[in-house]
């Protein structure tokens, strides 16, 4: 059995800007390959960028999923089941409707709210457990109270959407209370969303798969080094394949470090860096929602500089 893991699509990201369709362009390509090659699709959180998406975001999301519907016994269903959990961007209290509830009502996803879902194909059974994204300060308590227990004669997979101390650059109790040691024992695979860079790690000799996001939401040097994509997990061989999204916007990141400099020198260096990027060669084209989109490259330049005495800090 092959499982696709697609995370942090952030539908609605940068709505109202020139980048507003990027999240759908990337997700469409990931979903297309997943439905073509996999038996089950798992989405570990932050499908939406906001806890209350706009009407336009819902409309685009519904159009996206509707492409992958097939007719089965006079019923329209997706080509493969999509099992999802809410992420931290979608988090709402129990008494409120979250945006994944709307997708579930439309039969586009099966949402796990601290429970499990069983999927069987040709005698092989996968039991998917899901803990919705919760505030980090209570994550450890919630996971322990859930006390997930793997089921016999099944491939047991646990999905979370949290920070883990092993994944943080520094120790901060308010950012993460969870460690890999807190994960319940006896599972065949752990999947975590929330972290936007792809990782494959291990705990208790069991893989921890972090597929990363399908869209760049922060232009940082360590985030843009790798292309966005998703993962395919083979339950028989235990192999993990990272699949890059073929058409995605190119992003370039540069830094300028100067001391005792002038605005004119800085302008020259900025122009030199911009000219390094061949705009035509790095522009992609993609058609989505019946629109032809030109994906112009993004150039970010971080400037760390001190100006000479008498230089005005404002630049035009």
Protein backbone atom coordinates (compact mmCIF):
# COMPACT_ATOMS: atom_id res chain seq x y z
CA UNK A 1 0.00 0.00 0.00
CA UNK A 2 1.28 3.48 -0.83
CA UNK A 3 0.43 6.52 1.25
CA UNK A 4 0.89 10.13 0.17
CA UNK A 5 1.63 12.65 2.91
CA UNK A 6 0.86 16.24 1.93
CA UNK A 7 1.18 18.88 4.62
CA UNK A 8 0.79 22.59 5.29
CA UNK A 9 -0.84 23.62 2.02
CA UNK A 10 -1.98 26.90 3.65
CA UNK A 11 -4.92 27.59 1.33
CA UNK A 12 -5.64 31.33 1.40
CA UNK A 13 -1.99 32.32 1.94
CA UNK A 14 -1.23 35.82 0.61
CA UNK A 15 -4.81 36.26 -0.60
CA UNK A 16 -5.21 39.61 -2.31
CA UNK A 17 -1.59 39.68 -3.54
CA UNK A 18 0.24 38.53 -6.66
CA UNK A 19 1.16 35.33 -4.78
CA UNK A 20 -2.39 34.29 -3.86
CA UNK A 21 -2.61 31.35 -6.30
CA UNK A 22 0.78 29.82 -5.48
CA UNK A 23 -0.60 27.65 -2.67
CA UNK A 24 -3.23 26.14 -5.00
CA UNK A 25 -0.78 25.69 -7.88
CA UNK A 26 1.61 23.72 -5.68
CA UNK A 27 -1.13 21.73 -3.96
CA UNK A 28 -2.83 20.83 -7.24
CA UNK A 29 0.36 19.26 -8.56
CA UNK A 30 0.96 17.37 -5.32
CA UNK A 31 -2.61 16.08 -5.18
CA UNK A 32 -2.54 15.09 -8.86
CA UNK A 33 0.51 12.88 -8.37
CA UNK A 34 -0.83 11.54 -5.07
CA UNK A 35 -4.19 10.49 -6.52
CA UNK A 36 -2.44 8.89 -9.51
CA UNK A 37 0.07 6.86 -7.49
CA UNK A 38 -1.28 6.28 -3.97
CA UNK A 39 -4.04 4.40 -2.18
CA UNK A 40 -4.53 6.84 0.67
CA UNK A 41 -3.66 10.51 1.24
CA UNK A 42 -2.76 11.88 4.66
CA UNK A 43 -2.76 15.60 5.43
CA UNK A 44 -1.24 16.44 8.84
CA UNK A 45 -2.64 19.93 9.34
CA UNK A 46 -2.69 23.55 8.19
CA UNK A 47 -4.64 22.82 5.05
CA UNK A 48 -5.88 26.40 5.46
CA UNK A 49 -3.84 29.46 6.35
CA UNK A 50 -6.48 31.05 8.59
CA UNK A 51 -8.90 29.65 11.15
CA UNK A 52 -11.67 31.54 9.36
CA UNK A 53 -10.96 31.32 5.61
CA UNK A 54 -12.63 33.75 3.22
CA UNK A 55 -15.44 32.71 0.91
CA UNK A 56 -12.98 32.94 -1.98
CA UNK A 57 -10.56 30.56 -0.24
CA UNK A 58 -13.32 28.01 0.30
CA UNK A 59 -14.45 28.38 -3.33
CA UNK A 60 -10.94 27.76 -4.66
CA UNK A 61 -10.36 24.86 -2.28
CA UNK A 62 -13.62 23.18 -3.34
CA UNK A 63 -12.74 23.65 -7.02
CA UNK A 64 -9.34 22.10 -6.39
CA UNK A 65 -10.68 18.97 -4.70
CA UNK A 66 -13.56 18.60 -7.17
CA UNK A 67 -11.07 17.75 -9.93
CA UNK A 68 -10.25 14.46 -8.21
CA UNK A 69 -13.79 13.13 -7.87
CA UNK A 70 -14.95 9.96 -9.57
CA UNK A 71 -18.38 8.38 -9.83
CA UNK A 72 -18.85 5.15 -7.91
CA UNK A 73 -22.27 3.48 -7.73
CA UNK A 74 -23.94 6.80 -8.65
CA UNK A 75 -22.04 8.54 -5.85
CA UNK A 76 -19.30 11.09 -6.41
CA UNK A 77 -16.29 10.29 -4.25
CA UNK A 78 -12.61 11.13 -4.32
CA UNK A 79 -10.30 8.76 -6.21
CA UNK A 80 -8.63 7.92 -2.88
CA UNK A 81 -9.62 8.75 0.71
CA UNK A 82 -8.04 11.86 2.24
CA UNK A 83 -7.50 11.67 6.01
CA UNK A 84 -6.63 14.96 7.70
CA UNK A 85 -6.13 16.63 11.05
CA UNK A 86 -6.50 20.29 11.92
CA UNK A 87 -3.30 22.23 12.37
CA UNK A 88 -2.43 25.15 14.60
CA UNK A 89 -3.66 27.64 11.98
CA UNK A 90 -7.06 25.95 12.03
CA UNK A 91 -7.25 25.45 15.78
CA UNK A 92 -10.57 26.32 17.41
CA UNK A 93 -12.24 25.21 20.60
CA UNK A 94 -14.54 22.17 20.63
CA UNK A 95 -17.68 24.31 20.49
CA UNK A 96 -16.65 26.02 17.24
CA UNK A 97 -16.69 24.83 13.63
CA UNK A 98 -13.23 24.73 12.11
CA UNK A 99 -12.62 24.99 8.34
CA UNK A 100 -11.86 21.27 8.08
CA UNK A 101 -15.40 20.57 9.30
CA UNK A 102 -16.64 22.27 6.12
CA UNK A 103 -14.40 20.12 3.90
CA UNK A 104 -15.57 17.03 5.74
CA UNK A 105 -19.23 17.98 5.24
CA UNK A 106 -18.52 18.12 1.50
CA UNK A 107 -17.05 14.57 1.71
CA UNK A 108 -13.61 15.75 0.58
CA UNK A 109 -11.78 14.65 3.72
CA UNK A 110 -12.10 12.36 6.72
CA UNK A 111 -11.12 14.45 9.70
CA UNK A 112 -9.51 12.91 12.77
CA UNK A 113 -10.20 14.72 16.02
CA UNK A 114 -8.10 12.77 18.53
CA UNK A 115 -9.34 9.46 17.15
CA UNK A 116 -8.45 6.91 14.44
CA UNK A 117 -9.53 5.70 11.01
CA UNK A 118 -9.09 2.20 9.60
CA UNK A 119 -8.29 1.65 5.92
CA UNK A 120 -7.99 -1.77 4.26
CA UNK A 121 -6.81 -2.82 0.83
CA UNK A 122 -6.14 -6.35 -0.38
CA UNK A 123 -5.95 -7.71 3.15
CA UNK A 124 -3.57 -5.03 4.42
CA UNK A 125 -4.91 -2.75 7.14
CA UNK A 126 -3.70 0.73 8.09
CA UNK A 127 -4.89 2.31 11.30
CA UNK A 128 -4.39 6.07 11.17
CA UNK A 129 -4.43 7.92 14.50
CA UNK A 130 -4.68 11.70 14.60
CA UNK A 131 -4.15 14.37 17.24
CA UNK A 132 -5.32 17.79 16.08
CA UNK A 133 -2.92 20.68 16.49
CA UNK A 134 -3.28 22.19 19.97
CA UNK A 135 -1.47 25.02 21.83
CA UNK A 136 2.08 23.90 22.49
CA UNK A 137 1.88 24.41 26.25
CA UNK A 138 -0.81 21.71 26.56
CA UNK A 139 0.37 19.35 23.78
CA UNK A 140 2.20 16.94 26.08
CA UNK A 141 -0.76 16.61 28.45
CA UNK A 142 -3.20 16.11 25.58
CA UNK A 143 -1.09 13.40 23.95
CA UNK A 144 -0.70 11.53 27.23
CA UNK A 145 -4.42 11.75 28.02
CA UNK A 146 -5.31 10.39 24.58
CA UNK A 147 -3.21 7.31 25.34
CA UNK A 148 -3.28 6.02 21.76
CA UNK A 149 -2.79 2.23 21.60
CA UNK A 150 -1.68 0.55 18.36
CA UNK A 151 -3.99 -2.14 17.03
CA UNK A 152 -2.92 -5.69 16.29
CA UNK A 153 -2.51 -6.91 12.72
CA UNK A 154 -2.38 -3.33 11.41
CA UNK A 155 0.10 -0.78 10.17
CA UNK A 156 -0.24 1.83 12.92
CA UNK A 157 0.45 5.44 11.98
CA UNK A 158 0.20 8.51 14.21
CA UNK A 159 -0.27 12.02 12.80
CA UNK A 160 0.42 15.15 14.86
CA UNK A 161 0.86 18.84 14.11
CA UNK A 162 3.17 20.17 16.82
CA UNK A 163 6.66 21.40 17.60
CA UNK A 164 9.14 18.93 19.11
CA UNK A 165 12.17 20.00 21.11
CA UNK A 166 14.45 17.93 18.87
CA UNK A 167 13.39 20.08 15.91
CA UNK A 168 13.96 23.48 17.52
CA UNK A 169 17.09 25.56 17.23
CA UNK A 170 16.93 26.50 20.91
CA UNK A 171 15.25 25.31 24.08
CA UNK A 172 12.08 27.18 24.99
CA UNK A 173 9.43 25.54 27.15
CA UNK A 174 6.72 27.84 25.79
CA UNK A 175 7.44 26.81 22.18
CA UNK A 176 7.39 23.07 22.73
CA UNK A 177 6.56 20.75 25.58
CA UNK A 178 6.84 17.61 23.44
CA UNK A 179 9.86 15.44 22.72
CA UNK A 180 10.08 12.34 20.53
CA UNK A 181 10.19 10.25 23.72
CA UNK A 182 6.62 11.36 24.49
CA UNK A 183 5.28 9.61 21.40
CA UNK A 184 3.30 6.45 22.24
CA UNK A 185 5.16 3.20 21.67
CA UNK A 186 4.43 0.45 19.19
CA UNK A 187 3.69 2.51 16.07
CA UNK A 188 5.09 1.81 12.60
CA UNK A 189 5.33 5.45 11.50
CA UNK A 190 5.00 8.89 13.04
CA UNK A 191 4.02 11.82 10.84
CA UNK A 192 4.22 15.45 11.87
CA UNK A 193 3.10 18.60 10.08
CA UNK A 194 3.78 22.17 11.26
CA UNK A 195 7.51 22.11 10.40
CA UNK A 196 7.93 23.52 6.89
CA UNK A 197 11.27 21.92 6.04
CA UNK A 198 11.34 18.26 5.02
CA UNK A 199 12.95 15.86 7.55
CA UNK A 200 13.17 12.10 8.02
CA UNK A 201 14.29 11.14 11.51
CA UNK A 202 13.92 8.22 13.90
CA UNK A 203 12.83 7.46 17.43
CA UNK A 204 12.60 4.02 19.03
CA UNK A 205 13.91 2.71 15.67
CA UNK A 206 10.71 4.00 14.06
CA UNK A 207 10.72 6.71 11.34
CA UNK A 208 9.42 10.19 12.06
CA UNK A 209 8.36 11.69 8.76
CA UNK A 210 8.04 15.45 8.34
CA UNK A 211 6.98 16.13 4.74
CA UNK A 212 7.40 19.90 5.01
CA UNK A 213 5.02 22.42 3.51
CA UNK A 214 3.96 22.58 -0.13
CA UNK A 215 4.32 26.39 -0.09
CA UNK A 216 7.02 28.75 1.17
CA UNK A 217 5.45 31.05 3.77
CA UNK A 218 8.65 32.60 5.12
CA UNK A 219 11.56 33.51 2.87
CA UNK A 220 14.42 32.37 5.04
CA UNK A 221 17.68 30.91 3.78
CA UNK A 222 17.15 27.50 5.39
CA UNK A 223 13.53 27.30 4.15
CA UNK A 224 14.19 27.92 0.47
CA UNK A 225 17.21 25.64 0.05
CA UNK A 226 14.98 22.70 -0.89
CA UNK A 227 12.10 22.61 -3.33
CA UNK A 228 8.60 22.15 -1.92
CA UNK A 229 6.99 18.74 -2.25
CA UNK A 230 5.33 15.81 -0.49
CA UNK A 231 6.19 12.26 0.54
CA UNK A 232 5.12 8.78 -0.50
CA UNK A 233 5.43 5.99 2.06
CA UNK A 234 5.38 2.32 1.04
CA UNK A 235 3.91 0.26 3.89
CA UNK A 236 5.53 -2.97 2.64
CA UNK A 237 9.08 -1.83 1.98
CA UNK A 238 9.02 1.06 4.52
CA UNK A 239 10.64 3.23 1.87
CA UNK A 240 10.02 6.99 1.91
CA UNK A 241 10.18 8.95 -1.34
CA UNK A 242 10.22 12.75 -1.41
CA UNK A 243 8.46 14.05 -4.53
CA UNK A 244 9.28 17.60 -5.58
CA UNK A 245 6.55 19.77 -7.04
CA UNK A 246 7.55 20.27 -10.66
CA UNK A 247 6.33 23.83 -11.32
CA UNK A 248 6.82 26.26 -8.46
CA UNK A 249 7.93 29.84 -8.13
CA UNK A 250 11.71 30.33 -7.94
CA UNK A 251 12.96 32.19 -4.87
CA UNK A 252 16.38 33.78 -4.48
CA UNK A 253 17.85 34.93 -1.18
CA UNK A 254 20.91 37.16 -0.84
CA UNK A 255 22.63 38.94 2.03
CA UNK A 256 24.67 42.14 2.06
CA UNK A 257 27.03 42.83 4.98
CA UNK A 258 28.68 46.24 4.94
CA UNK A 259 30.25 48.50 7.56
CA UNK A 260 30.86 52.22 7.25
CA UNK A 261 29.36 52.33 3.79
CA UNK A 262 27.25 54.72 1.73
CA UNK A 263 23.79 54.51 0.21
CA UNK A 264 25.26 54.61 -3.28
CA UNK A 265 27.48 51.60 -2.60
CA UNK A 266 24.51 49.71 -1.18
CA UNK A 267 22.38 50.54 -4.22
CA UNK A 268 25.12 49.25 -6.52
CA UNK A 269 25.40 45.98 -4.59
CA UNK A 270 21.63 45.54 -4.60
CA UNK A 271 21.46 46.07 -8.37
CA UNK A 272 24.35 43.63 -8.90
CA UNK A 273 22.48 40.92 -7.01
CA UNK A 274 19.23 41.56 -8.87
CA UNK A 275 21.04 41.33 -12.20
CA UNK A 276 22.35 37.90 -11.20
CA UNK A 277 18.85 36.53 -11.63
CA UNK A 278 17.72 35.90 -15.20
CA UNK A 279 14.05 36.88 -14.86
CA UNK A 280 12.94 35.35 -18.16
CA UNK A 281 14.71 32.05 -17.55
CA UNK A 282 13.34 31.82 -13.98
CA UNK A 283 9.73 32.64 -14.80
CA UNK A 284 7.34 29.67 -14.87
CA UNK A 285 3.86 29.40 -16.41
CA UNK A 286 0.90 27.50 -14.99
CA UNK A 287 -2.84 27.33 -15.70
CA UNK A 288 -5.22 27.04 -12.77
CA UNK A 289 -8.88 27.95 -12.29
CA UNK A 290 -8.94 28.76 -16.04
CA UNK A 291 -6.28 31.45 -15.56
CA UNK A 292 -2.81 31.51 -17.09
CA UNK A 293 -0.39 32.52 -14.36
CA UNK A 294 3.17 33.79 -14.77
CA UNK A 295 5.21 32.78 -11.75
CA UNK A 296 7.82 35.51 -11.66
CA UNK A 297 10.80 34.83 -9.38
CA UNK A 298 11.02 36.37 -5.92
CA UNK A 299 14.25 38.07 -4.89
CA UNK A 300 14.86 38.81 -1.23
CA UNK A 301 17.91 40.77 -0.14
CA UNK A 302 18.73 41.01 3.55
CA UNK A 303 20.91 44.02 4.35
CA UNK A 304 23.09 44.26 7.44
CA UNK A 305 24.87 47.61 7.12
CA UNK A 306 26.05 50.64 8.99
CA UNK A 307 26.30 53.95 7.15
CA UNK A 308 29.10 56.46 7.40
CA UNK A 309 28.52 59.50 9.58
CA UNK A 310 26.44 62.10 7.79
CA UNK A 311 24.65 59.56 5.58
CA UNK A 312 20.85 59.73 5.71
CA UNK A 313 19.45 56.25 6.44
CA UNK A 314 16.44 56.68 4.11
CA UNK A 315 16.90 55.08 0.70
CA UNK A 316 14.88 55.60 -2.46
